[in-house]
Amino acid sequence: MAAADLAFDPWDPAFLADPRPAYAELRARGRVIRYEPTDQWLVPHHADVSALLRDRRLGRTYRHRFTHEEFGRTPPPPEHEPFHTLNDHGMLDLEPPDHTRIRRLVAKAFTPRTVERLRPYVHGLARDLVAALVRAGGGDLLTDVAEPLPVAVIAEMLGIPGTDRARLRPWSADICGMYELNPSEETAARAVRASREFSDCLRELIAARRREPGDDLISGLIAAHDEGERLTEQEMISTAVLLLNAGHEATVNATVNGWYALFRNPGQLAALRADHRLVPSAVEELLRYDTPLQLFERWVLDDIEIDGTTIPRGSEIAMLFGSANHDPAVFADPGRLDLARADNPHLSFSAGIHYCIGAPLARMELAASLTALLEQAPTLTLTAEPERRPNFVMRGLRGLSVAMG
């Protein structure tokens, strides 16, 4: 299928404003569509995305089995090395057994009991941030509430000192720019610089925690290593960066995407304001309705067949979470925001071995900020149409201006 024949265009502002019509076209075209501009196979249906996320013939990396040359891929430029060293040692881009080993260690920090212990801190911080927004009469929901909440929480878990926390969000944004489709050299240069600076910061923190352990995840990873669990310093650094990036990027975007959706659906917002018991299902529906992570990529490690089409080894598959979450075969009237939606098997947290380890914490954070805003700012209004970020993979807004109506 020639790209010109498709409405799917991840660089078109009209598509970024509302990709749902293009997704509907893709689903109508078939179960897998070749997309030449990114050299990928697009998978738009919920059933296929869900199955492929669990298919061990696909992988987030191929380096555990093949060299770049054996896999038919060109190695990344040497000047990008700091980014790839950082990225390639995080569990999101590893496959078993390395993925299993690192995830087992990190999972100890995300047990239900551990996450539940964070509840007073998360809800207290959300209330404080919203209180400041209310005292100011309004502001930017992105920078005043959506960003500082999850950044503070994951930084607290990792044990990152307060003096370093202001740099975390800019570093994360620059690194995450490399996850977009066909990133520019300018984007790559920013990601490389951020990777180097972030790694240096964490290397110093690890050295400090070796001298004086604390009650934080970095200290816990060091202790696990010292007790015989195999974990290199680079894996510690990459794991910390991954947790910081994944631990707030989706939550930030889900918060502002969600509130923008609520403002555009006043009937649903009124229902939520009238009954705060809808918050849990509202969180799930807002994650589905305007999915913060639109696409997840996997490499084809062994030939697979989808609907009669053979996808050869060495190919890259782009699983379209945003499309899967609007598949009418799974969701009744998917274009309608329904905060009371009971059957909601959205894929916003992925599935399979790479299911988001921080999903319970993300849900807690989203519920905490939503509840605080409903309770303390019951007349919150949108004061200006927001500008959407020029990103496709990580979908979000540049800001969300609000006032106490």
Protein backbone atom coordinates (compact mmCIF):
# COMPACT_ATOMS: atom_id res chain seq x y z
CA MET A 1 0.00 0.00 0.00
CA ALA A 2 1.57 3.30 -1.06
CA ALA A 3 1.77 5.88 1.71
CA ALA A 4 0.03 8.40 -0.54
CA ASP A 5 -3.03 6.14 -0.57
CA LEU A 6 -3.38 6.26 3.21
CA ALA A 7 -4.74 8.92 5.57
CA PHE A 8 -2.20 7.65 8.11
CA ASP A 9 0.50 10.34 8.23
CA PRO A 10 2.24 10.69 11.61
CA TRP A 11 3.80 14.03 10.60
CA ASP A 12 0.58 15.74 9.48
CA PRO A 13 -0.86 18.20 12.06
CA ALA A 14 -4.39 17.24 10.99
CA PHE A 15 -3.65 13.59 11.67
CA LEU A 16 -2.05 14.43 15.03
CA ALA A 17 -5.12 16.47 15.99
CA ASP A 18 -7.36 13.44 15.49
CA PRO A 19 -5.88 10.17 14.21
CA ARG A 20 -9.10 8.19 14.64
CA PRO A 21 -10.39 8.53 11.06
CA ALA A 22 -7.05 7.30 9.72
CA TYR A 23 -7.11 4.40 12.16
CA ALA A 24 -10.59 3.45 10.99
CA GLU A 25 -9.31 3.44 7.41
CA LEU A 26 -6.37 1.22 8.36
CA ARG A 27 -8.64 -1.27 10.11
CA ALA A 28 -10.87 -1.37 7.06
CA ARG A 29 -7.88 -1.97 4.77
CA GLY A 30 -6.79 -5.10 6.57
CA ARG A 31 -5.01 -6.65 9.52
CA VAL A 32 -1.50 -5.64 8.48
CA ILE A 33 -0.42 -2.82 6.17
CA ARG A 34 3.06 -2.13 4.81
CA TYR A 35 4.11 1.49 5.46
CA GLU A 36 7.14 2.50 3.41
CA PRO A 37 7.98 5.89 5.02
CA THR A 38 9.00 4.16 8.26
CA ASP A 39 9.83 0.73 6.78
CA GLN A 40 7.30 -0.91 9.10
CA TRP A 41 4.26 -3.14 9.09
CA LEU A 42 1.29 -1.43 10.75
CA VAL A 43 -1.04 -3.55 12.87
CA PRO A 44 -4.28 -1.68 13.70
CA HIS A 45 -6.68 -4.29 15.16
CA HIS A 46 -7.04 -4.96 18.89
CA ALA A 47 -7.02 -8.76 18.60
CA ASP A 48 -3.81 -8.78 16.56
CA VAL A 49 -2.03 -6.20 18.73
CA SER A 50 -2.96 -8.11 21.88
CA ALA A 51 -1.77 -11.42 20.42
CA LEU A 52 1.49 -10.04 19.01
CA LEU A 53 2.43 -8.42 22.31
CA ARG A 54 2.56 -11.97 23.70
CA ASP A 55 4.19 -13.61 20.65
CA ARG A 56 7.74 -14.75 21.42
CA ARG A 57 8.61 -14.72 17.71
CA LEU A 58 8.80 -10.94 18.15
CA GLY A 59 11.22 -9.03 20.32
CA ARG A 60 12.06 -5.54 21.48
CA THR A 61 15.64 -6.32 20.46
CA TYR A 62 17.29 -8.79 18.13
CA ARG A 63 20.83 -8.42 19.49
CA HIS A 64 20.43 -11.42 21.79
CA ARG A 65 20.20 -13.61 18.68
CA PHE A 66 21.65 -11.73 15.73
CA THR A 67 24.23 -9.15 14.80
CA HIS A 68 23.01 -6.06 12.96
CA GLU A 69 24.40 -7.51 9.75
CA GLU A 70 22.80 -10.94 10.23
CA PHE A 71 19.46 -9.23 10.83
CA GLY A 72 19.80 -7.07 7.74
CA ARG A 73 19.99 -3.82 9.71
CA THR A 74 22.49 -0.97 9.65
CA PRO A 75 24.20 -0.33 13.00
CA PRO A 76 23.38 3.04 14.59
CA PRO A 77 25.89 5.86 13.97
CA PRO A 78 28.79 5.86 16.47
CA GLU A 79 27.90 9.39 17.60
CA HIS A 80 24.56 8.04 18.91
CA GLU A 81 26.32 5.54 21.18
CA PRO A 82 25.53 7.23 24.54
CA PHE A 83 21.80 7.03 23.80
CA HIS A 84 21.89 3.40 22.64
CA THR A 85 24.07 2.28 25.54
CA LEU A 86 21.56 3.82 27.93
CA ASN A 87 18.48 2.58 26.08
CA ASP A 88 19.66 -0.91 25.21
CA HIS A 89 20.41 -1.91 28.82
CA GLY A 90 16.95 -1.08 30.15
CA MET A 91 14.50 -3.92 30.61
CA LEU A 92 12.01 -2.48 28.09
CA ASP A 93 14.52 -3.14 25.30
CA LEU A 94 15.79 -6.48 26.57
CA GLU A 95 14.52 -10.00 26.06
CA PRO A 96 14.81 -13.02 28.39
CA PRO A 97 16.89 -14.00 30.24
CA ASP A 98 18.23 -10.47 30.85
CA HIS A 99 14.75 -8.96 30.87
CA THR A 100 13.52 -11.56 33.36
CA ARG A 101 16.49 -11.02 35.68
CA ILE A 102 16.15 -7.22 35.83
CA ARG A 103 12.36 -7.17 35.97
CA ARG A 104 12.39 -9.60 38.89
CA LEU A 105 14.55 -7.18 40.89
CA VAL A 106 12.59 -4.06 39.96
CA ALA A 107 9.24 -5.77 40.59
CA LYS A 108 10.05 -5.80 44.31
CA ALA A 109 9.57 -2.02 44.32
CA PHE A 110 6.18 -2.28 42.61
CA THR A 111 4.41 -4.95 44.62
CA PRO A 112 0.82 -4.05 45.56
CA ARG A 113 1.89 -3.57 49.18
CA THR A 114 4.78 -1.25 48.23
CA VAL A 115 2.62 0.83 45.90
CA GLU A 116 -0.13 1.05 48.52
CA ARG A 117 2.36 2.46 51.02
CA LEU A 118 2.84 5.38 48.62
CA ARG A 119 -0.87 6.27 48.64
CA PRO A 120 -0.71 8.93 51.41
CA TYR A 121 2.29 10.60 49.76
CA VAL A 122 0.75 10.54 46.26
CA HIS A 123 -2.65 11.85 47.33
CA GLY A 124 -1.13 14.43 49.68
CA LEU A 125 1.13 15.77 46.94
CA ALA A 126 -1.77 15.87 44.47
CA ARG A 127 -3.88 17.87 46.95
CA ASP A 128 -1.00 20.30 47.57
CA LEU A 129 -0.38 20.88 43.87
CA VAL A 130 -4.05 21.45 43.14
CA ALA A 131 -4.38 23.76 46.17
CA ALA A 132 -1.59 25.94 44.76
CA LEU A 133 -3.33 25.99 41.37
CA VAL A 134 -6.58 27.07 43.03
CA ARG A 135 -4.86 29.79 45.07
CA ALA A 136 -3.38 31.18 41.85
CA GLY A 137 -6.81 31.23 40.22
CA GLY A 138 -5.65 28.86 37.51
CA GLY A 139 -2.58 28.23 35.41
CA ASP A 140 -1.14 25.51 33.21
CA LEU A 141 -2.44 22.12 34.29
CA LEU A 142 0.54 20.51 32.57
CA THR A 143 3.33 22.30 34.43
CA ASP A 144 1.43 22.95 37.69
CA VAL A 145 -0.04 19.49 38.34
CA ALA A 146 0.45 16.88 35.61
CA GLU A 147 4.26 17.03 35.49
CA PRO A 148 5.36 17.62 39.09
CA LEU A 149 3.24 14.83 40.59
CA PRO A 150 4.64 11.73 38.83
CA VAL A 151 8.16 13.20 38.55
CA ALA A 152 8.28 13.75 42.32
CA VAL A 153 6.89 10.28 43.03
CA ILE A 154 9.34 8.33 40.86
CA ALA A 155 12.25 10.55 41.96
CA GLU A 156 11.30 9.81 45.57
CA MET A 157 11.22 6.07 44.85
CA LEU A 158 14.62 6.20 43.15
CA GLY A 159 16.13 8.41 45.84
CA ILE A 160 17.13 11.23 43.48
CA PRO A 161 18.00 14.34 45.54
CA GLY A 162 15.73 17.36 45.29
CA THR A 163 18.56 19.45 43.84
CA ASP A 164 18.68 17.22 40.74
CA ARG A 165 14.95 16.81 40.15
CA ALA A 166 14.46 19.96 38.05
CA ARG A 167 16.63 18.42 35.35
CA LEU A 168 14.74 15.15 35.15
CA ARG A 169 11.83 16.27 32.99
CA PRO A 170 14.00 18.03 30.32
CA TRP A 171 16.34 15.05 30.16
CA SER A 172 13.39 12.68 29.81
CA ALA A 173 11.76 14.76 27.06
CA ASP A 174 14.99 14.86 25.06
CA ILE A 175 15.60 11.12 25.41
CA CYS A 176 12.02 10.24 24.53
CA GLY A 177 12.31 12.24 21.31
CA MET A 178 14.25 9.28 19.90
CA TYR A 179 11.19 7.06 20.23
CA GLU A 180 9.34 9.04 17.58
CA LEU A 181 9.25 7.82 14.00
CA ASN A 182 12.28 8.81 11.92
CA PRO A 183 13.80 11.23 14.46
CA SER A 184 15.94 14.06 13.06
CA GLU A 185 19.66 14.49 13.69
CA GLU A 186 18.84 17.47 15.92
CA THR A 187 16.56 15.24 17.99
CA ALA A 188 19.28 12.60 18.15
CA ALA A 189 21.88 15.14 19.30
CA ARG A 190 19.61 16.29 22.14
CA ALA A 191 18.95 12.68 23.15
CA VAL A 192 22.67 11.88 23.16
CA ARG A 193 23.46 14.90 25.31
CA ALA A 194 20.65 14.11 27.75
CA SER A 195 21.70 10.46 27.90
CA ARG A 196 25.25 11.41 28.79
CA GLU A 197 24.24 13.98 31.43
CA PHE A 198 21.55 11.77 33.00
CA SER A 199 23.95 8.81 33.13
CA ASP A 200 26.66 10.90 34.78
CA CYS A 201 24.16 12.12 37.39
CA LEU A 202 23.06 8.58 38.21
CA ARG A 203 26.61 7.27 38.29
CA GLU A 204 27.37 9.84 41.00
CA LEU A 205 24.18 8.89 42.85
CA ILE A 206 25.06 5.18 42.74
CA ALA A 207 28.51 5.95 44.15
CA ALA A 208 26.91 7.99 46.94
CA ARG A 209 24.43 5.21 47.75
CA ARG A 210 27.24 2.66 47.89
CA ARG A 211 28.82 4.79 50.60
CA GLU A 212 25.57 5.60 52.40
CA PRO A 213 22.64 3.33 51.46
CA GLY A 214 19.13 4.70 51.83
CA ASP A 215 15.58 3.38 51.72
CA ASP A 216 15.20 3.77 47.95
CA LEU A 217 15.22 1.71 44.78
CA ILE A 218 18.80 2.60 43.78
CA SER A 219 20.05 1.39 47.17
CA GLY A 220 17.93 -1.74 46.77
CA LEU A 221 19.45 -2.54 43.37
CA ILE A 222 22.94 -2.06 44.80
CA ALA A 223 22.12 -4.37 47.71
CA ALA A 224 20.71 -7.00 45.36
CA HIS A 225 23.91 -6.85 43.31
CA ASP A 226 26.07 -7.20 46.40
CA GLU A 227 24.03 -10.19 47.53
CA GLY A 228 24.73 -12.09 44.34
CA GLU A 229 22.07 -10.91 41.86
CA ARG A 230 23.80 -10.09 38.58
CA LEU A 231 23.23 -6.41 37.83
CA THR A 232 25.85 -4.22 36.20
CA GLU A 233 26.20 -0.51 36.94
CA GLN A 234 25.02 0.25 33.40
CA GLU A 235 21.91 -1.85 33.99
CA MET A 236 21.24 0.09 37.20
CA ILE A 237 21.60 3.38 35.34
CA SER A 238 19.45 2.28 32.40
CA THR A 239 16.80 0.86 34.73
CA ALA A 240 16.61 4.11 36.71
CA VAL A 241 16.26 6.17 33.52
CA LEU A 242 13.60 3.84 32.14
CA LEU A 243 11.61 4.02 35.37
CA LEU A 244 11.83 7.80 35.40
CA ASN A 245 10.84 8.15 31.74
CA ALA A 246 8.13 5.51 31.77
CA GLY A 247 7.11 6.43 35.30
CA HIS A 248 5.96 9.89 34.39
CA GLU A 249 5.79 10.42 30.61
CA ALA A 250 2.58 8.46 30.09
CA THR A 251 1.02 9.81 33.30
CA VAL A 252 1.72 13.42 32.32
CA ASN A 253 0.22 12.96 28.88
CA ALA A 254 -2.72 10.93 30.16
CA THR A 255 -3.57 13.72 32.62
CA VAL A 256 -3.67 16.56 30.10
CA ASN A 257 -5.14 14.43 27.29
CA GLY A 258 -7.79 13.26 29.74
CA TRP A 259 -8.77 16.71 30.97
CA TYR A 260 -8.89 18.05 27.43
CA ALA A 261 -11.25 15.19 26.56
CA LEU A 262 -13.40 16.01 29.60
CA PHE A 263 -13.64 19.68 28.63
CA ARG A 264 -14.75 18.64 25.13
CA ASN A 265 -17.37 16.29 26.59
CA PRO A 266 -19.15 18.48 29.16
CA GLY A 267 -21.90 15.95 29.79
CA GLN A 268 -19.37 13.35 30.92
CA LEU A 269 -17.49 15.91 33.00
CA ALA A 270 -20.74 16.92 34.70
CA ALA A 271 -21.50 13.26 35.48
CA LEU A 272 -18.04 12.81 36.98
CA ARG A 273 -18.38 15.95 39.08
CA ALA A 274 -21.71 14.71 40.34
CA ASP A 275 -20.39 11.26 41.26
CA HIS A 276 -16.74 10.87 42.21
CA ARG A 277 -17.25 7.13 42.48
CA LEU A 278 -16.74 7.14 38.69
CA VAL A 279 -13.05 8.02 39.11
CA PRO A 280 -11.65 4.45 38.73
CA SER A 281 -13.57 3.71 35.53
CA ALA A 282 -12.93 7.27 34.32
CA VAL A 283 -9.18 6.71 34.58
CA GLU A 284 -9.45 3.59 32.42
CA GLU A 285 -11.68 5.28 29.86
CA LEU A 286 -9.48 8.36 29.56
CA LEU A 287 -6.45 6.11 29.01
CA ARG A 288 -8.36 4.36 26.23
CA TYR A 289 -10.02 7.37 24.65
CA ASP A 290 -6.86 9.44 24.02
CA THR A 291 -4.05 6.92 24.42
CA PRO A 292 -0.78 8.47 25.63
CA LEU A 293 1.41 5.84 23.91
CA GLN A 294 0.09 5.41 20.38
CA LEU A 295 2.56 2.89 19.01
CA PHE A 296 4.79 0.07 20.24
CA GLU A 297 7.46 -1.45 18.01
CA ARG A 298 8.71 -5.03 17.88
CA TRP A 299 11.23 -6.82 15.68
CA VAL A 300 10.28 -9.99 13.81
CA LEU A 301 12.78 -12.61 15.02
CA ASP A 302 11.20 -15.48 13.08
CA ASP A 303 8.86 -15.29 10.09
CA ILE A 304 5.24 -14.82 11.07
CA GLU A 305 2.02 -14.82 9.09
CA ILE A 306 -0.85 -12.37 9.58
CA ASP A 307 -4.02 -12.88 7.57
CA GLY A 308 -2.16 -14.67 4.79
CA THR A 309 0.70 -12.15 4.63
CA THR A 310 4.14 -13.41 5.59
CA ILE A 311 6.16 -10.90 7.60
CA PRO A 312 9.79 -11.96 7.20
CA ARG A 313 12.49 -12.06 9.85
CA GLY A 314 14.24 -8.70 10.10
CA SER A 315 11.04 -6.70 9.68
CA GLU A 316 9.69 -4.21 12.19
CA ILE A 317 6.08 -4.25 13.31
CA ALA A 318 4.35 -1.13 14.60
CA MET A 319 1.46 -2.08 16.86
CA LEU A 320 -1.00 0.81 16.93
CA PHE A 321 -2.30 1.07 20.49
CA GLY A 322 -4.38 4.13 19.62
CA SER A 323 -6.16 2.23 16.87
CA ALA A 324 -6.58 -0.95 18.94
CA ASN A 325 -8.19 1.12 21.70
CA HIS A 326 -10.81 2.35 19.21
CA ASP A 327 -11.54 -0.97 17.56
CA PRO A 328 -15.33 -1.38 17.31
CA ALA A 329 -14.89 -5.16 17.40
CA VAL A 330 -13.95 -4.76 21.07
CA PHE A 331 -15.38 -1.43 22.25
CA ALA A 332 -19.01 -0.45 21.75
CA ASP A 333 -19.23 2.99 20.15
CA PRO A 334 -15.46 3.56 20.61
CA GLY A 335 -15.56 7.20 19.52
CA ARG A 336 -17.80 8.07 22.47
CA LEU A 337 -16.25 9.01 25.80
CA ASP A 338 -18.06 6.88 28.37
CA LEU A 339 -16.64 7.27 31.87
CA ALA A 340 -18.86 4.47 33.14
CA ARG A 341 -17.65 2.00 30.50
CA ALA A 342 -17.57 -1.36 32.28
CA ASP A 343 -15.86 -3.61 29.73
CA ASN A 344 -12.62 -1.77 28.92
CA PRO A 345 -9.71 -4.05 27.93
CA HIS A 346 -7.58 -1.19 26.60
CA LEU A 347 -3.94 -1.81 25.75
CA SER A 348 -2.52 1.48 27.01
CA PHE A 349 -0.18 -0.35 29.40
CA SER A 350 0.86 -2.91 26.75
CA ALA A 351 0.68 -6.66 27.49
CA GLY A 352 2.85 -9.74 27.74
CA ILE A 353 6.31 -9.66 29.32
CA HIS A 354 6.60 -5.92 28.64
CA TYR A 355 3.36 -5.01 30.39
CA CYS A 356 3.98 -1.76 32.27
CA ILE A 357 5.42 -2.68 35.66
CA GLY A 358 4.32 0.68 37.05
CA ALA A 359 0.69 0.46 35.90
CA PRO A 360 -0.73 0.29 39.47
CA LEU A 361 1.27 3.39 40.45
CA ALA A 362 0.23 5.24 37.29
CA ARG A 363 -3.43 4.46 38.00
CA MET A 364 -3.00 5.71 41.57
CA GLU A 365 -1.41 8.97 40.37
CA LEU A 366 -4.09 9.59 37.75
CA ALA A 367 -6.86 8.92 40.26
CA ALA A 368 -5.18 11.15 42.86
CA SER A 369 -4.87 14.19 40.59
CA LEU A 370 -8.34 13.65 39.12
CA THR A 371 -9.90 13.40 42.58
CA ALA A 372 -8.02 16.44 43.90
CA LEU A 373 -9.14 18.56 40.95
CA LEU A 374 -12.75 17.41 41.25
CA GLU A 375 -12.80 18.18 44.98
CA GLN A 376 -10.84 21.42 45.10
CA ALA A 377 -11.56 22.89 41.66
CA PRO A 378 -15.16 21.87 40.91
CA THR A 379 -15.63 24.71 38.42
CA LEU A 380 -12.35 24.24 36.52
CA THR A 381 -12.63 25.55 32.97
CA LEU A 382 -10.47 25.57 29.85
CA THR A 383 -9.32 29.10 28.99
CA ALA A 384 -7.62 28.51 25.62
CA GLU A 385 -7.46 25.81 22.98
CA PRO A 386 -4.28 23.85 23.64
CA GLU A 387 -1.53 23.26 21.13
CA ARG A 388 -0.73 19.64 20.49
CA ARG A 389 2.87 18.50 20.66
CA PRO A 390 4.23 17.58 17.19
CA ASN A 391 4.73 13.99 18.35
CA PHE A 392 2.87 10.90 17.28
CA VAL A 393 4.22 8.03 19.39
CA MET A 394 3.96 9.86 22.72
CA ARG A 395 0.78 11.83 22.32
CA GLY A 396 0.35 14.92 24.43
CA LEU A 397 -0.18 18.67 24.62
CA ARG A 398 2.23 21.57 25.04
CA GLY A 399 0.09 22.86 27.85
CA LEU A 400 -3.48 23.13 29.14
CA SER A 401 -4.53 26.57 30.37
CA VAL A 402 -7.27 26.45 33.01
CA ALA A 403 -9.04 28.79 35.41
CA MET A 404 -11.43 28.49 38.31
CA GLY A 405 -14.67 29.14 36.44
